[in-house]
PDB file of all heavy atoms in Angstrom:
ATOM      1  N   GLU A   1      10.953  -6.650   8.497  1.00  0.00           N
ATOM      2  CA  GLU A   1      12.092  -6.536   9.412  1.00  0.00           C
ATOM      3  C   GLU A   1      12.611  -7.917   9.817  1.00  0.00           C
ATOM      4  O   GLU A   1      13.830  -8.157   9.809  1.00  0.00           O
ATOM      5  CB  GLU A   1      11.720  -5.740  10.640  1.00  0.00           C
ATOM      6  CG  GLU A   1      11.486  -4.265  10.406  1.00  0.00           C
ATOM      7  CD  GLU A   1      10.974  -3.523  11.633  1.00  0.00           C
ATOM      8  OE1 GLU A   1      10.756  -4.165  12.672  1.00  0.00           O
ATOM      9  OE2 GLU A   1      10.797  -2.304  11.526  1.00  0.00           O
ATOM     10  N   LEU A   2      11.724  -8.806  10.148  1.00  0.00           N
ATOM     11  CA  LEU A   2      12.114 -10.109  10.658  1.00  0.00           C
ATOM     12  C   LEU A   2      12.633 -11.067   9.592  1.00  0.00           C
ATOM     13  O   LEU A   2      13.647 -11.743   9.770  1.00  0.00           O
ATOM     14  CB  LEU A   2      10.948 -10.785  11.375  1.00  0.00           C
ATOM     15  CG  LEU A   2      10.530 -10.162  12.708  1.00  0.00           C
ATOM     16  CD1 LEU A   2       9.266 -10.830  13.218  1.00  0.00           C
ATOM     17  CD2 LEU A   2      11.648 -10.271  13.728  1.00  0.00           C
ATOM     18  N   PHE A   3      11.930 -11.105   8.472  1.00  0.00           N
ATOM     19  CA  PHE A   3      12.241 -12.139   7.466  1.00  0.00           C
ATOM     20  C   PHE A   3      13.045 -11.643   6.268  1.00  0.00           C
ATOM     21  O   PHE A   3      13.672 -12.458   5.577  1.00  0.00           O
ATOM     22  CB  PHE A   3      10.949 -12.809   6.990  1.00  0.00           C
ATOM     23  CG  PHE A   3      10.174 -13.446   8.119  1.00  0.00           C
ATOM     24  CD1 PHE A   3       8.948 -12.940   8.506  1.00  0.00           C
ATOM     25  CD2 PHE A   3      10.688 -14.548   8.799  1.00  0.00           C
ATOM     26  CE1 PHE A   3       8.241 -13.522   9.543  1.00  0.00           C
ATOM     27  CE2 PHE A   3       9.986 -15.121   9.845  1.00  0.00           C
ATOM     28  CZ  PHE A   3       8.755 -14.617  10.221  1.00  0.00           C
ATOM     29  N   CYS A   4      12.973 -10.361   5.992  1.00  0.00           N
ATOM     30  CA  CYS A   4      13.656  -9.837   4.813  1.00  0.00           C
ATOM     31  C   CYS A   4      14.800  -8.878   5.178  1.00  0.00           C
ATOM     32  O   CYS A   4      15.477  -8.369   4.293  1.00  0.00           O
ATOM     33  CB  CYS A   4      12.672  -9.110   3.912  1.00  0.00           C
ATOM     34  SG  CYS A   4      11.301 -10.131   3.381  1.00  0.00           S
ATOM     35  N   ASP A   5      14.951  -8.625   6.446  1.00  0.00           N
ATOM     36  CA  ASP A   5      15.970  -7.687   6.916  1.00  0.00           C
ATOM     37  C   ASP A   5      15.825  -6.300   6.266  1.00  0.00           C
ATOM     38  O   ASP A   5      16.816  -5.654   5.912  1.00  0.00           O
ATOM     39  CB  ASP A   5      17.369  -8.245   6.728  1.00  0.00           C
ATOM     40  CG  ASP A   5      18.402  -7.537   7.579  1.00  0.00           C
ATOM     41  OD1 ASP A   5      18.078  -7.094   8.709  1.00  0.00           O
ATOM     42  OD2 ASP A   5      19.563  -7.389   7.123  1.00  0.00           O
ATOM     43  N   ILE A   6      14.580  -5.885   6.084  1.00  0.00           N
ATOM     44  CA  ILE A   6      14.304  -4.570   5.495  1.00  0.00           C
ATOM     45  C   ILE A   6      13.802  -3.677   6.618  1.00  0.00           C
ATOM     46  O   ILE A   6      12.766  -3.962   7.222  1.00  0.00           O
ATOM     47  CB  ILE A   6      13.264  -4.630   4.391  1.00  0.00           C
ATOM     48  CG1 ILE A   6      13.751  -5.509   3.235  1.00  0.00           C
ATOM     49  CG2 ILE A   6      12.886  -3.243   3.894  1.00  0.00           C
ATOM     50  CD1 ILE A   6      12.713  -5.770   2.169  1.00  0.00           C
ATOM     51  N   LYS A   7      14.537  -2.630   6.922  1.00  0.00           N
ATOM     52  CA  LYS A   7      14.156  -1.705   7.933  1.00  0.00           C
ATOM     53  C   LYS A   7      13.858  -0.354   7.309  1.00  0.00           C
ATOM     54  O   LYS A   7      14.574   0.098   6.421  1.00  0.00           O
ATOM     55  CB  LYS A   7      15.257  -1.581   8.991  1.00  0.00           C
ATOM     56  CG  LYS A   7      15.450  -2.879   9.760  1.00  0.00           C
ATOM     57  CD  LYS A   7      16.602  -2.775  10.753  1.00  0.00           C
ATOM     58  CE  LYS A   7      16.805  -4.013  11.577  1.00  0.00           C
ATOM     59  NZ  LYS A   7      16.738  -5.269  10.909  1.00  0.00           N
ATOM     60  N   THR A   8      12.764   0.279   7.718  1.00  0.00           N
ATOM     61  CA  THR A   8      12.399   1.566   7.177  1.00  0.00           C
ATOM     62  C   THR A   8      12.120   2.532   8.307  1.00  0.00           C
ATOM     63  O   THR A   8      11.714   2.137   9.406  1.00  0.00           O
ATOM     64  CB  THR A   8      11.128   1.471   6.311  1.00  0.00           C
ATOM     65  OG1 THR A   8      10.035   0.961   7.125  1.00  0.00           O
ATOM     66  CG2 THR A   8      11.316   0.553   5.124  1.00  0.00           C
ATOM     67  N   THR A   9      12.341   3.800   8.035  1.00  0.00           N
ATOM     68  CA  THR A   9      11.954   4.829   8.992  1.00  0.00           C
ATOM     69  C   THR A   9      10.433   4.989   8.880  1.00  0.00           C
ATOM     70  O   THR A   9       9.815   4.498   7.926  1.00  0.00           O
ATOM     71  CB  THR A   9      12.612   6.173   8.686  1.00  0.00           C
ATOM     72  OG1 THR A   9      12.121   6.638   7.409  1.00  0.00           O
ATOM     73  CG2 THR A   9      14.141   6.055   8.662  1.00  0.00           C
ATOM     74  N   ASN A  10       9.850   5.692   9.850  1.00  0.00           N
ATOM     75  CA  ASN A  10       8.405   5.914   9.782  1.00  0.00           C
ATOM     76  C   ASN A  10       8.025   6.665   8.517  1.00  0.00           C
ATOM     77  O   ASN A  10       7.055   6.333   7.863  1.00  0.00           O
ATOM     78  CB  ASN A  10       7.936   6.700  11.009  1.00  0.00           C
ATOM     79  CG  ASN A  10       7.942   5.841  12.265  1.00  0.00           C
ATOM     80  OD1 ASN A  10       7.830   4.597  12.192  1.00  0.00           O
ATOM     81  ND2 ASN A  10       8.078   6.450  13.418  1.00  0.00           N
ATOM     82  N   LYS A  11       8.813   7.674   8.167  1.00  0.00           N
ATOM     83  CA  LYS A  11       8.518   8.424   6.957  1.00  0.00           C
ATOM     84  C   LYS A  11       8.589   7.584   5.714  1.00  0.00           C
ATOM     85  O   LYS A  11       7.739   7.636   4.854  1.00  0.00           O
ATOM     86  CB  LYS A  11       9.450   9.652   6.847  1.00  0.00           C
ATOM     87  CG  LYS A  11       9.097  10.552   5.680  1.00  0.00           C
ATOM     88  CD  LYS A  11       9.970  11.806   5.634  1.00  0.00           C
ATOM     89  CE  LYS A  11       9.578  12.691   4.463  1.00  0.00           C
ATOM     90  NZ  LYS A  11      10.374  13.921   4.394  1.00  0.00           N
ATOM     91  N   GLU A  12       9.663   6.760   5.619  1.00  0.00           N
ATOM     92  CA  GLU A  12       9.799   5.864   4.458  1.00  0.00           C
ATOM     93  C   GLU A  12       8.610   4.905   4.383  1.00  0.00           C
ATOM     94  O   GLU A  12       8.111   4.640   3.275  1.00  0.00           O
ATOM     95  CB  GLU A  12      11.087   5.065   4.560  1.00  0.00           C
ATOM     96  CG  GLU A  12      12.347   5.865   4.382  1.00  0.00           C
ATOM     97  CD  GLU A  12      13.603   5.071   4.747  1.00  0.00           C
ATOM     98  OE1 GLU A  12      13.537   4.136   5.559  1.00  0.00           O
ATOM     99  OE2 GLU A  12      14.652   5.433   4.190  1.00  0.00           O
ATOM    100  N   TRP A  13       8.180   4.388   5.500  1.00  0.00           N
ATOM    101  CA  TRP A  13       7.068   3.453   5.547  1.00  0.00           C
ATOM    102  C   TRP A  13       5.804   4.118   5.015  1.00  0.00           C
ATOM    103  O   TRP A  13       5.056   3.561   4.183  1.00  0.00           O
ATOM    104  CB  TRP A  13       6.849   2.899   6.943  1.00  0.00           C
ATOM    105  CG  TRP A  13       5.731   1.927   6.990  1.00  0.00           C
ATOM    106  CD1 TRP A  13       4.518   2.121   7.573  1.00  0.00           C
ATOM    107  CD2 TRP A  13       5.715   0.611   6.434  1.00  0.00           C
ATOM    108  NE1 TRP A  13       3.707   1.006   7.379  1.00  0.00           N
ATOM    109  CE2 TRP A  13       4.447   0.069   6.689  1.00  0.00           C
ATOM    110  CE3 TRP A  13       6.645  -0.149   5.725  1.00  0.00           C
ATOM    111  CZ2 TRP A  13       4.100  -1.203   6.290  1.00  0.00           C
ATOM    112  CZ3 TRP A  13       6.301  -1.417   5.319  1.00  0.00           C
ATOM    113  CH2 TRP A  13       5.034  -1.952   5.577  1.00  0.00           C
ATOM    114  N   HIS A  14       5.537   5.321   5.460  1.00  0.00           N
ATOM    115  CA  HIS A  14       4.352   6.037   5.027  1.00  0.00           C
ATOM    116  C   HIS A  14       4.447   6.406   3.545  1.00  0.00           C
ATOM    117  O   HIS A  14       3.423   6.390   2.830  1.00  0.00           O
ATOM    118  CB  HIS A  14       4.092   7.259   5.879  1.00  0.00           C
ATOM    119  CG  HIS A  14       3.721   6.891   7.302  1.00  0.00           C
ATOM    120  ND1 HIS A  14       2.642   6.091   7.616  1.00  0.00           N
ATOM    121  CD2 HIS A  14       4.292   7.196   8.464  1.00  0.00           C
ATOM    122  CE1 HIS A  14       2.571   5.937   8.907  1.00  0.00           C
ATOM    123  NE2 HIS A  14       3.586   6.577   9.457  1.00  0.00           N
ATOM    124  N   LEU A  15       5.624   6.737   3.051  1.00  0.00           N
ATOM    125  CA  LEU A  15       5.780   7.017   1.628  1.00  0.00           C
ATOM    126  C   LEU A  15       5.531   5.747   0.790  1.00  0.00           C
ATOM    127  O   LEU A  15       4.920   5.835  -0.281  1.00  0.00           O
ATOM    128  CB  LEU A  15       7.206   7.539   1.350  1.00  0.00           C
ATOM    129  CG  LEU A  15       7.445   8.972   1.785  1.00  0.00           C
ATOM    130  CD1 LEU A  15       8.941   9.312   1.728  1.00  0.00           C
ATOM    131  CD2 LEU A  15       6.653   9.951   0.930  1.00  0.00           C
ATOM    132  N   LEU A  16       5.952   4.593   1.277  1.00  0.00           N
ATOM    133  CA  LEU A  16       5.671   3.312   0.564  1.00  0.00           C
ATOM    134  C   LEU A  16       4.164   3.072   0.538  1.00  0.00           C
ATOM    135  O   LEU A  16       3.623   2.644  -0.495  1.00  0.00           O
ATOM    136  CB  LEU A  16       6.366   2.167   1.261  1.00  0.00           C
ATOM    137  CG  LEU A  16       7.847   2.028   1.038  1.00  0.00           C
ATOM    138  CD1 LEU A  16       8.453   0.989   2.034  1.00  0.00           C
ATOM    139  CD2 LEU A  16       8.122   1.602  -0.385  1.00  0.00           C
ATOM    140  N   ASN A  17       3.495   3.322   1.652  1.00  0.00           N
ATOM    141  CA  ASN A  17       2.039   3.132   1.686  1.00  0.00           C
ATOM    142  C   ASN A  17       1.317   4.110   0.750  1.00  0.00           C
ATOM    143  O   ASN A  17       0.363   3.704   0.065  1.00  0.00           O
ATOM    144  CB  ASN A  17       1.530   3.299   3.154  1.00  0.00           C
ATOM    145  CG  ASN A  17       1.758   2.044   3.905  1.00  0.00           C
ATOM    146  OD1 ASN A  17       1.122   1.025   3.661  1.00  0.00           O
ATOM    147  ND2 ASN A  17       2.683   2.076   4.853  1.00  0.00           N
ATOM    148  N   LEU A  18       1.788   5.334   0.716  1.00  0.00           N
ATOM    149  CA  LEU A  18       1.164   6.340  -0.158  1.00  0.00           C
ATOM    150  C   LEU A  18       1.332   5.900  -1.617  1.00  0.00           C
ATOM    151  O   LEU A  18       0.359   5.957  -2.391  1.00  0.00           O
ATOM    152  CB  LEU A  18       1.851   7.693   0.040  1.00  0.00           C
ATOM    153  CG  LEU A  18       1.298   8.848  -0.779  1.00  0.00           C
ATOM    154  CD1 LEU A  18      -0.129   9.145  -0.407  1.00  0.00           C
ATOM    155  CD2 LEU A  18       2.161  10.063  -0.621  1.00  0.00           C
ATOM    156  N   LYS A  19       2.509   5.457  -1.996  1.00  0.00           N
ATOM    157  CA  LYS A  19       2.761   4.979  -3.345  1.00  0.00           C
ATOM    158  C   LYS A  19       1.835   3.818  -3.709  1.00  0.00           C
ATOM    159  O   LYS A  19       1.214   3.792  -4.759  1.00  0.00           O
ATOM    160  CB  LYS A  19       4.212   4.568  -3.504  1.00  0.00           C
ATOM    161  CG  LYS A  19       4.630   4.109  -4.901  1.00  0.00           C
ATOM    162  CD  LYS A  19       6.109   3.762  -4.927  1.00  0.00           C
ATOM    163  CE  LYS A  19       6.631   3.444  -6.306  1.00  0.00           C
ATOM    164  NZ  LYS A  19       6.106   2.247  -6.904  1.00  0.00           N
ATOM    165  N   PHE A  20       1.704   2.864  -2.764  1.00  0.00           N
ATOM    166  CA  PHE A  20       0.842   1.716  -3.020  1.00  0.00           C
ATOM    167  C   PHE A  20      -0.605   2.143  -3.228  1.00  0.00           C
ATOM    168  O   PHE A  20      -1.275   1.723  -4.170  1.00  0.00           O
ATOM    169  CB  PHE A  20       0.942   0.711  -1.849  1.00  0.00           C
ATOM    170  CG  PHE A  20      -0.107  -0.368  -1.952  1.00  0.00           C
ATOM    171  CD1 PHE A  20       0.085  -1.428  -2.825  1.00  0.00           C
ATOM    172  CD2 PHE A  20      -1.269  -0.309  -1.211  1.00  0.00           C
ATOM    173  CE1 PHE A  20      -0.899  -2.447  -2.938  1.00  0.00           C
ATOM    174  CE2 PHE A  20      -2.221  -1.305  -1.317  1.00  0.00           C
ATOM    175  CZ  PHE A  20      -2.042  -2.346  -2.192  1.00  0.00           C
ATOM    176  N   LEU A  21      -1.097   3.002  -2.311  1.00  0.00           N
ATOM    177  CA  LEU A  21      -2.501   3.430  -2.393  1.00  0.00           C
ATOM    178  C   LEU A  21      -2.773   4.196  -3.661  1.00  0.00           C
ATOM    179  O   LEU A  21      -3.865   4.062  -4.249  1.00  0.00           O
ATOM    180  CB  LEU A  21      -2.862   4.247  -1.163  1.00  0.00           C
ATOM    181  CG  LEU A  21      -2.945   3.471   0.154  1.00  0.00           C
ATOM    182  CD1 LEU A  21      -3.011   4.423   1.331  1.00  0.00           C
ATOM    183  CD2 LEU A  21      -4.134   2.544   0.135  1.00  0.00           C
ATOM    184  N   LYS A  22      -1.826   5.013  -4.123  1.00  0.00           N
ATOM    185  CA  LYS A  22      -2.056   5.753  -5.357  1.00  0.00           C
ATOM    186  C   LYS A  22      -1.970   4.864  -6.591  1.00  0.00           C
ATOM    187  O   LYS A  22      -2.685   5.142  -7.583  1.00  0.00           O
ATOM    188  CB  LYS A  22      -0.975   6.856  -5.474  1.00  0.00           C
ATOM    189  CG  LYS A  22      -1.235   8.012  -4.560  1.00  0.00           C
ATOM    190  CD  LYS A  22      -0.226   9.124  -4.802  1.00  0.00           C
ATOM    191  CE  LYS A  22      -0.596  10.384  -4.022  1.00  0.00           C
ATOM    192  NZ  LYS A  22       0.320  11.503  -4.275  1.00  0.00           N
ATOM    193  N   GLU A  23      -1.184   3.831  -6.560  1.00  0.00           N
ATOM    194  CA  GLU A  23      -1.019   2.987  -7.746  1.00  0.00           C
ATOM    195  C   GLU A  23      -2.001   1.805  -7.816  1.00  0.00           C
ATOM    196  O   GLU A  23      -2.173   1.190  -8.892  1.00  0.00           O
ATOM    197  CB  GLU A  23       0.413   2.464  -7.817  1.00  0.00           C
ATOM    198  CG  GLU A  23       1.413   3.560  -8.072  1.00  0.00           C
ATOM    199  CD  GLU A  23       2.845   3.096  -8.099  1.00  0.00           C
ATOM    200  OE1 GLU A  23       3.109   1.864  -7.865  1.00  0.00           O
ATOM    201  OE2 GLU A  23       3.748   3.918  -8.306  1.00  0.00           O
ATOM    202  N   HIS A  24      -2.630   1.489  -6.697  1.00  0.00           N
ATOM    203  CA  HIS A  24      -3.540   0.330  -6.667  1.00  0.00           C
ATOM    204  C   HIS A  24      -4.896   0.708  -7.252  1.00  0.00           C
ATOM    205  O   HIS A  24      -5.426   1.787  -6.958  1.00  0.00           O
ATOM    206  CB  HIS A  24      -3.729  -0.134  -5.238  1.00  0.00           C
ATOM    207  CG  HIS A  24      -4.702  -1.278  -5.121  1.00  0.00           C
ATOM    208  ND1 HIS A  24      -6.045  -1.068  -4.900  1.00  0.00           N
ATOM    209  CD2 HIS A  24      -4.525  -2.601  -5.251  1.00  0.00           C
ATOM    210  CE1 HIS A  24      -6.656  -2.235  -4.921  1.00  0.00           C
ATOM    211  NE2 HIS A  24      -5.760  -3.163  -5.109  1.00  0.00           N
ATOM    212  N   HIS A  25      -5.438  -0.180  -8.084  1.00  0.00           N
ATOM    213  CA  HIS A  25      -6.766   0.014  -8.654  1.00  0.00           C
ATOM    214  C   HIS A  25      -7.567  -1.262  -8.502  1.00  0.00           C
ATOM    215  O   HIS A  25      -7.123  -2.340  -8.861  1.00  0.00           O
ATOM    216  CB  HIS A  25      -6.658   0.383 -10.148  1.00  0.00           C
ATOM    217  CG  HIS A  25      -5.852   1.628 -10.380  1.00  0.00           C
ATOM    218  ND1 HIS A  25      -6.349   2.895 -10.139  1.00  0.00           N
ATOM    219  CD2 HIS A  25      -4.574   1.802 -10.804  1.00  0.00           C
ATOM    220  CE1 HIS A  25      -5.430   3.784 -10.415  1.00  0.00           C
ATOM    221  NE2 HIS A  25      -4.339   3.131 -10.830  1.00  0.00           N
ATOM    222  N   PHE A  26      -8.779  -1.095  -7.968  1.00  0.00           N
ATOM    223  CA  PHE A  26      -9.674  -2.256  -7.876  1.00  0.00           C
ATOM    224  C   PHE A  26     -10.192  -2.586  -9.259  1.00  0.00           C
ATOM    225  O   PHE A  26     -10.472  -1.682 -10.050  1.00  0.00           O
ATOM    226  CB  PHE A  26     -10.829  -1.949  -6.910  1.00  0.00           C
ATOM    227  CG  PHE A  26     -10.397  -1.827  -5.492  1.00  0.00           C
ATOM    228  CD1 PHE A  26     -10.279  -0.586  -4.869  1.00  0.00           C
ATOM    229  CD2 PHE A  26     -10.047  -2.962  -4.752  1.00  0.00           C
ATOM    230  CE1 PHE A  26      -9.883  -0.473  -3.562  1.00  0.00           C
ATOM    231  CE2 PHE A  26      -9.617  -2.847  -3.430  1.00  0.00           C
ATOM    232  CZ  PHE A  26      -9.533  -1.611  -2.834  1.00  0.00           C
ATOM    233  N   ARG A  27     -10.401  -3.874  -9.518  1.00  0.00           N
ATOM    234  CA  ARG A  27     -10.880  -4.275 -10.833  1.00  0.00           C
ATOM    235  C   ARG A  27     -12.298  -4.786 -10.799  1.00  0.00           C
ATOM    236  O   ARG A  27     -13.031  -4.649 -11.798  1.00  0.00           O
ATOM    237  CB  ARG A  27      -9.975  -5.372 -11.387  1.00  0.00           C
ATOM    238  CG  ARG A  27      -8.568  -4.857 -11.647  1.00  0.00           C
ATOM    239  CD  ARG A  27      -7.626  -5.965 -11.998  1.00  0.00           C
ATOM    240  NE  ARG A  27      -6.246  -5.472 -11.987  1.00  0.00           N
ATOM    241  CZ  ARG A  27      -5.527  -5.263 -13.033  1.00  0.00           C
ATOM    242  NH1 ARG A  27      -5.994  -5.523 -14.229  1.00  0.00           N
ATOM    243  NH2 ARG A  27      -4.314  -4.817 -12.922  1.00  0.00           N
ATOM    244  N   SER A  28     -12.753  -5.309  -9.666  1.00  0.00           N
ATOM    245  CA  SER A  28     -14.119  -5.802  -9.603  1.00  0.00           C
ATOM    246  C   SER A  28     -15.063  -4.647  -9.301  1.00  0.00           C
ATOM    247  O   SER A  28     -14.686  -3.615  -8.772  1.00  0.00           O
ATOM    248  CB  SER A  28     -14.257  -6.866  -8.473  1.00  0.00           C
ATOM    249  OG  SER A  28     -14.086  -6.250  -7.208  1.00  0.00           O
ATOM    250  N   ASP A  29     -16.332  -4.869  -9.625  1.00  0.00           N
ATOM    251  CA  ASP A  29     -17.343  -3.868  -9.319  1.00  0.00           C
ATOM    252  C   ASP A  29     -17.439  -3.636  -7.817  1.00  0.00           C
ATOM    253  O   ASP A  29     -17.580  -2.483  -7.373  1.00  0.00           O
ATOM    254  CB  ASP A  29     -18.721  -4.279  -9.870  1.00  0.00           C
ATOM    255  CG  ASP A  29     -18.789  -4.199 -11.366  1.00  0.00           C
ATOM    256  OD1 ASP A  29     -17.987  -3.446 -11.977  1.00  0.00           O
ATOM    257  OD2 ASP A  29     -19.633  -4.889 -11.966  1.00  0.00           O
ATOM    258  N   TYR A  30     -17.370  -4.718  -7.042  1.00  0.00           N
ATOM    259  CA  TYR A  30     -17.428  -4.594  -5.592  1.00  0.00           C
ATOM    260  C   TYR A  30     -16.283  -3.735  -5.106  1.00  0.00           C
ATOM    261  O   TYR A  30     -16.472  -2.855  -4.253  1.00  0.00           O
ATOM    262  CB  TYR A  30     -17.368  -5.990  -4.931  1.00  0.00           C
ATOM    263  CG  TYR A  30     -17.307  -5.919  -3.429  1.00  0.00           C
ATOM    264  CD1 TYR A  30     -18.429  -5.640  -2.690  1.00  0.00           C
ATOM    265  CD2 TYR A  30     -16.094  -6.108  -2.755  1.00  0.00           C
ATOM    266  CE1 TYR A  30     -18.379  -5.554  -1.312  1.00  0.00           C
ATOM    267  CE2 TYR A  30     -16.031  -6.039  -1.389  1.00  0.00           C
ATOM    268  CZ  TYR A  30     -17.171  -5.754  -0.683  1.00  0.00           C
ATOM    269  OH  TYR A  30     -17.109  -5.678   0.694  1.00  0.00           O
ATOM    270  N   GLY A  31     -15.082  -3.990  -5.561  1.00  0.00           N
ATOM    271  CA  GLY A  31     -13.937  -3.210  -5.135  1.00  0.00           C
ATOM    272  C   GLY A  31     -14.074  -1.726  -5.530  1.00  0.00           C
ATOM    273  O   GLY A  31     -13.818  -0.858  -4.707  1.00  0.00           O
ATOM    274  N   LYS A  32     -14.508  -1.492  -6.754  1.00  0.00           N
ATOM    275  CA  LYS A  32     -14.649  -0.127  -7.216  1.00  0.00           C
ATOM    276  C   LYS A  32     -15.738   0.629  -6.452  1.00  0.00           C
ATOM    277  O   LYS A  32     -15.582   1.799  -6.140  1.00  0.00           O
ATOM    278  CB  LYS A  32     -14.972  -0.121  -8.713  1.00  0.00           C
ATOM    279  CG  LYS A  32     -13.841  -0.560  -9.592  1.00  0.00           C
ATOM    280  CD  LYS A  32     -14.255  -0.640 -11.008  1.00  0.00           C
ATOM    281  CE  LYS A  32     -13.146  -1.184 -11.889  1.00  0.00           C
ATOM    282  NZ  LYS A  32     -13.587  -1.350 -13.293  1.00  0.00           N
ATOM    283  N   GLN A  33     -16.832  -0.045  -6.144  1.00  0.00           N
ATOM    284  CA  GLN A  33     -17.964   0.631  -5.515  1.00  0.00           C
ATOM    285  C   GLN A  33     -17.877   0.659  -3.994  1.00  0.00           C
ATOM    286  O   GLN A  33     -18.341   1.615  -3.373  1.00  0.00           O
ATOM    287  CB  GLN A  33     -19.266  -0.057  -5.953  1.00  0.00           C
ATOM    288  CG  GLN A  33     -19.518   0.100  -7.415  1.00  0.00           C
ATOM    289  CD  GLN A  33     -20.658  -0.801  -7.891  1.00  0.00           C
ATOM    290  OE1 GLN A  33     -21.282  -1.522  -7.097  1.00  0.00           O
ATOM    291  NE2 GLN A  33     -20.917  -0.792  -9.189  1.00  0.00           N
ATOM    292  N   THR A  34     -17.276  -0.354  -3.385  1.00  0.00           N
ATOM    293  CA  THR A  34     -17.302  -0.467  -1.944  1.00  0.00           C
ATOM    294  C   THR A  34     -15.946  -0.229  -1.300  1.00  0.00           C
ATOM    295  O   THR A  34     -15.818   0.595  -0.379  1.00  0.00           O
ATOM    296  CB  THR A  34     -17.811  -1.867  -1.532  1.00  0.00           C
ATOM    297  OG1 THR A  34     -19.069  -2.083  -2.173  1.00  0.00           O
ATOM    298  CG2 THR A  34     -17.963  -1.974  -0.045  1.00  0.00           C
ATOM    299  N   LEU A  35     -14.932  -0.900  -1.764  1.00  0.00           N
ATOM    300  CA  LEU A  35     -13.605  -0.834  -1.144  1.00  0.00           C
ATOM    301  C   LEU A  35     -12.879   0.463  -1.446  1.00  0.00           C
ATOM    302  O   LEU A  35     -12.033   0.890  -0.678  1.00  0.00           O
ATOM    303  CB  LEU A  35     -12.773  -2.050  -1.558  1.00  0.00           C
ATOM    304  CG  LEU A  35     -13.365  -3.399  -1.209  1.00  0.00           C
ATOM    305  CD1 LEU A  35     -12.459  -4.508  -1.725  1.00  0.00           C
ATOM    306  CD2 LEU A  35     -13.577  -3.535   0.298  1.00  0.00           C
ATOM    307  N   GLU A  36     -13.177   1.071  -2.595  1.00  0.00           N
ATOM    308  CA  GLU A  36     -12.501   2.290  -2.991  1.00  0.00           C
ATOM    309  C   GLU A  36     -12.717   3.419  -1.973  1.00  0.00           C
ATOM    310  O   GLU A  36     -11.820   4.246  -1.747  1.00  0.00           O
ATOM    311  CB  GLU A  36     -12.987   2.744  -4.378  1.00  0.00           C
ATOM    312  CG  GLU A  36     -12.296   3.978  -4.912  1.00  0.00           C
ATOM    313  CD  GLU A  36     -10.842   3.768  -5.252  1.00  0.00           C
ATOM    314  OE1 GLU A  36     -10.420   2.621  -5.543  1.00  0.00           O
ATOM    315  OE2 GLU A  36     -10.094   4.768  -5.250  1.00  0.00           O
TER     316      GLU A  36
END
């Protein structure tokens, strides 16, 4: 909002987070076993 002048509704924000979480994959063993 401050630096990029990008404003989102709460629903849009949560949809962006959902997309990120679904598309993100850990590559290290630690990430796969612990952070996942």
